[in-house]
Protein backbone atom coordinates (compact mmCIF):
# COMPACT_ATOMS: atom_id res chain seq x y z
CA UNK A 1 117.88 84.95 -114.37
CA UNK A 2 120.78 87.17 -115.01
CA UNK A 3 119.96 90.20 -112.76
CA UNK A 4 120.07 93.65 -114.82
CA UNK A 5 123.39 95.36 -115.17
CA UNK A 6 124.01 97.37 -111.65
CA UNK A 7 123.22 101.46 -113.53
CA UNK A 8 125.71 104.17 -113.09
CA UNK A 9 125.87 107.64 -113.69
CA UNK A 10 129.80 108.87 -113.28
CA UNK A 11 131.13 112.18 -112.71
CA UNK A 12 133.89 113.78 -112.76
CA UNK A 13 135.43 117.65 -113.78
CA UNK A 14 138.18 116.38 -116.31
CA UNK A 15 136.66 114.87 -119.37
CA UNK A 16 139.34 112.64 -119.72
CA UNK A 17 138.55 111.29 -116.27
CA UNK A 18 134.67 110.83 -117.48
CA UNK A 19 135.86 109.03 -120.45
CA UNK A 20 138.13 106.75 -118.34
CA UNK A 21 135.99 105.77 -115.51
CA UNK A 22 132.93 105.54 -118.16
CA UNK A 23 135.38 103.07 -120.26
CA UNK A 24 136.57 100.91 -117.15
CA UNK A 25 132.15 100.25 -115.82
CA UNK A 26 131.50 99.64 -118.70
CA UNK A 27 133.74 96.65 -119.63
CA UNK A 28 133.40 95.64 -116.09
CA UNK A 29 129.74 94.97 -117.09
CA UNK A 30 128.21 98.24 -116.01
CA UNK A 31 125.79 99.68 -117.63
CA UNK A 32 126.86 103.26 -117.34
CA UNK A 33 123.80 106.08 -118.08
CA UNK A 34 125.24 109.61 -117.97
CA UNK A 35 129.32 110.80 -117.87
CA UNK A 36 128.57 114.43 -116.30
CA UNK A 37 130.77 116.98 -114.73
CA UNK A 38 130.09 117.96 -111.25
CA UNK A 39 127.41 120.93 -111.53
CA UNK A 40 125.54 118.99 -113.98
CA UNK A 41 125.35 115.78 -111.27
CA UNK A 42 123.43 117.89 -108.80
CA UNK A 43 120.70 118.24 -112.14
CA UNK A 44 120.56 114.97 -112.94
CA UNK A 45 117.52 112.63 -112.00
CA UNK A 46 118.93 109.73 -110.02
CA UNK A 47 115.91 108.19 -109.40
CA UNK A 48 116.63 105.16 -111.42
CA UNK A 49 120.67 105.28 -110.82
CA UNK A 50 122.18 102.44 -108.77
CA UNK A 51 125.27 103.65 -107.78
CA UNK A 52 127.35 107.02 -108.73
CA UNK A 53 131.47 107.09 -109.32
CA UNK A 54 133.11 110.39 -108.39
CA UNK A 55 135.92 111.93 -108.66
CA UNK A 56 136.05 114.58 -106.74
CA UNK A 57 140.33 114.44 -105.87
CA UNK A 58 141.09 116.99 -103.27
CA UNK A 59 138.44 119.64 -104.23
CA UNK A 60 137.02 119.95 -100.47
CA UNK A 61 134.29 122.57 -102.09
CA UNK A 62 133.53 119.97 -103.84
CA UNK A 63 133.71 117.18 -101.08
CA UNK A 64 131.21 119.27 -98.91
CA UNK A 65 128.93 119.41 -101.55
CA UNK A 66 128.52 115.93 -102.20
CA UNK A 67 128.24 115.56 -98.72
CA UNK A 68 125.00 118.12 -98.20
CA UNK A 69 123.60 117.65 -101.20
CA UNK A 70 123.60 113.78 -102.39
CA UNK A 71 122.18 112.80 -99.31
CA UNK A 72 122.25 109.16 -98.54
CA UNK A 73 123.24 108.20 -102.77
CA UNK A 74 125.69 105.26 -102.76
CA UNK A 75 128.37 106.52 -104.74
CA UNK A 76 132.41 105.96 -104.74
CA UNK A 77 134.02 108.56 -104.40
CA UNK A 78 137.27 109.33 -105.57
CA UNK A 79 139.67 111.63 -104.06
CA UNK A 80 141.60 112.80 -100.68
CA UNK A 81 138.59 113.40 -97.97
CA UNK A 82 139.49 116.26 -96.15
CA UNK A 83 139.06 116.45 -92.04
CA UNK A 84 135.86 114.76 -91.14
CA UNK A 85 134.81 113.86 -94.64
CA UNK A 86 135.35 110.50 -94.52
CA UNK A 87 132.26 110.37 -91.75
CA UNK A 88 130.17 112.67 -93.22
CA UNK A 89 129.86 110.32 -95.74
CA UNK A 90 129.57 107.09 -94.64
CA UNK A 91 127.21 106.30 -96.28
CA UNK A 92 129.21 105.73 -99.43
CA UNK A 93 132.66 104.83 -100.24
CA UNK A 94 135.95 106.68 -100.64
CA UNK A 95 138.78 105.49 -102.43
CA UNK A 96 142.39 106.78 -103.73
CA UNK A 97 141.93 108.57 -106.51
CA UNK A 98 144.89 105.57 -108.55
CA UNK A 99 142.49 103.04 -107.16
CA UNK A 100 143.15 100.22 -109.69
CA UNK A 101 140.06 98.86 -112.04
CA UNK A 102 139.28 96.34 -109.72
CA UNK A 103 138.87 97.82 -107.04
CA UNK A 104 136.93 100.08 -108.16
CA UNK A 105 134.70 97.61 -109.76
CA UNK A 106 134.40 95.56 -106.88
CA UNK A 107 133.54 98.95 -104.82
CA UNK A 108 130.77 100.02 -106.95
CA UNK A 109 129.36 97.00 -106.85
CA UNK A 110 129.79 96.61 -102.97
CA UNK A 111 127.91 100.04 -101.98
CA UNK A 112 125.30 99.33 -105.11
CA UNK A 113 124.45 96.71 -102.20
CA UNK A 114 124.14 98.87 -99.30
CA UNK A 115 127.30 98.41 -98.20
CA UNK A 116 130.35 100.78 -96.89
CA UNK A 117 133.49 101.12 -98.84
CA UNK A 118 136.65 102.83 -97.51
CA UNK A 119 140.31 102.49 -98.89
CA UNK A 120 142.50 101.61 -96.04
CA UNK A 121 144.18 105.06 -95.57
CA UNK A 122 141.13 106.78 -94.23
CA UNK A 123 138.32 104.55 -93.67
CA UNK A 124 136.93 106.27 -90.25
CA UNK A 125 136.65 104.22 -87.21
CA UNK A 126 136.60 101.03 -88.67
CA UNK A 127 135.41 98.73 -84.63
CA UNK A 128 132.20 101.69 -84.49
CA UNK A 129 130.79 101.27 -88.66
CA UNK A 130 130.82 97.35 -88.50
CA UNK A 131 128.72 97.80 -85.00
CA UNK A 132 126.52 100.01 -86.63
CA UNK A 133 126.03 97.74 -89.56
CA UNK A 134 125.69 94.75 -88.00
CA UNK A 135 124.51 93.10 -85.19
CA UNK A 136 125.14 89.82 -85.30
CA UNK A 137 127.56 87.25 -84.51
CA UNK A 138 131.19 88.36 -86.43
CA UNK A 139 133.20 85.06 -88.55
CA UNK A 140 136.52 84.12 -87.00
CA UNK A 141 138.68 83.60 -89.82
CA UNK A 142 142.63 83.18 -90.07
CA UNK A 143 145.24 85.46 -91.46
CA UNK A 144 145.48 83.49 -94.62
CA UNK A 145 141.46 83.47 -94.71
CA UNK A 146 141.78 86.67 -94.78
CA UNK A 147 144.72 86.98 -97.53
CA UNK A 148 142.30 85.00 -99.33
CA UNK A 149 138.73 86.66 -99.06
CA UNK A 150 140.62 90.15 -100.00
CA UNK A 151 141.39 88.70 -102.83
CA UNK A 152 137.79 86.88 -103.67
CA UNK A 153 136.94 90.74 -103.16
CA UNK A 154 138.85 91.84 -106.22
CA UNK A 155 137.50 89.07 -108.66
CA UNK A 156 140.48 86.89 -109.14
CA UNK A 157 140.05 83.08 -109.57
CA UNK A 158 141.61 80.46 -107.51
CA UNK A 159 144.01 79.73 -110.60
CA UNK A 160 145.29 83.51 -109.70
CA UNK A 161 145.38 83.59 -106.21
CA UNK A 162 146.77 80.66 -105.90
CA UNK A 163 149.26 82.69 -107.83
CA UNK A 164 149.59 85.59 -105.68
CA UNK A 165 149.52 84.04 -102.54
CA UNK A 166 152.45 81.06 -104.01
CA UNK A 167 150.39 78.25 -102.56
CA UNK A 168 148.73 75.25 -104.36
CA UNK A 169 144.92 75.57 -106.53
CA UNK A 170 143.89 73.05 -103.83
CA UNK A 171 144.65 75.50 -100.81
CA UNK A 172 142.87 78.00 -102.20
CA UNK A 173 139.81 75.84 -102.39
CA UNK A 174 139.95 74.39 -99.19
CA UNK A 175 140.46 78.58 -97.80
CA UNK A 176 137.49 79.52 -99.67
CA UNK A 177 135.27 76.26 -98.51
CA UNK A 178 136.08 77.56 -95.37
CA UNK A 179 135.05 80.91 -95.59
CA UNK A 180 131.92 79.79 -97.50
CA UNK A 181 131.05 77.98 -94.48
CA UNK A 182 132.05 80.16 -91.71
CA UNK A 183 130.53 83.35 -93.52
CA UNK A 184 127.54 80.81 -93.66
CA UNK A 185 127.70 82.03 -97.34
CA UNK A 186 125.94 80.32 -100.30
CA UNK A 187 128.69 82.08 -103.00
CA UNK A 188 131.64 83.97 -103.01
CA UNK A 189 130.33 87.21 -103.77
CA UNK A 190 128.02 86.64 -100.75
CA UNK A 191 130.76 85.50 -98.79
CA UNK A 192 132.63 88.94 -99.96
CA UNK A 193 128.89 90.97 -99.65
CA UNK A 194 128.75 89.42 -95.53
CA UNK A 195 132.70 90.11 -95.03
CA UNK A 196 132.07 93.44 -95.77
CA UNK A 197 129.14 93.91 -93.51
CA UNK A 198 130.29 92.47 -90.99
CA UNK A 199 133.83 94.81 -91.07
CA UNK A 200 135.77 91.65 -91.98
CA UNK A 201 136.95 93.51 -95.18
CA UNK A 202 137.88 96.62 -96.21
CA UNK A 203 137.69 97.38 -100.06
């Protein structure tokens, strides 16, 4: 039975960016319920929404508003967080404004599943974050397995991963199988979810 699409509200003060994000997410298979500006976002009924995608840029006032008024609502914020902003929004996701389409789509899926997502340049204390979200045994994976895992998170198939890492498709299959075993996952998607929860993966 097919899962219903993730329902998303897009917010940006720039009409062109709203339209671009709406098109990007729709093409990725999400159901974009509304595309609104920041002020309208606070008036939206978000009870039936799975995640938000918010273009905040470097607007510190908007970031503070999001932190205080949206609470724990799963959201991917695009922008450059001010000092302390990322920790204030630890239940959400932060990505740079120039994040690629695949990364944004993967991040939305992750926050809708209850995970935390940060771009590599402004993540909070990742060890503390991993401890707070996962109290079991963290899987031990190799550097190459981590490379494969990151590309799995970006949604790449084995053939594309092989080209990107300049290894054979057979070797990719071996690494994927090893990751599924170490993470005790039944699928590639579950492996990414478990790895993110354990702090092994930053989307």
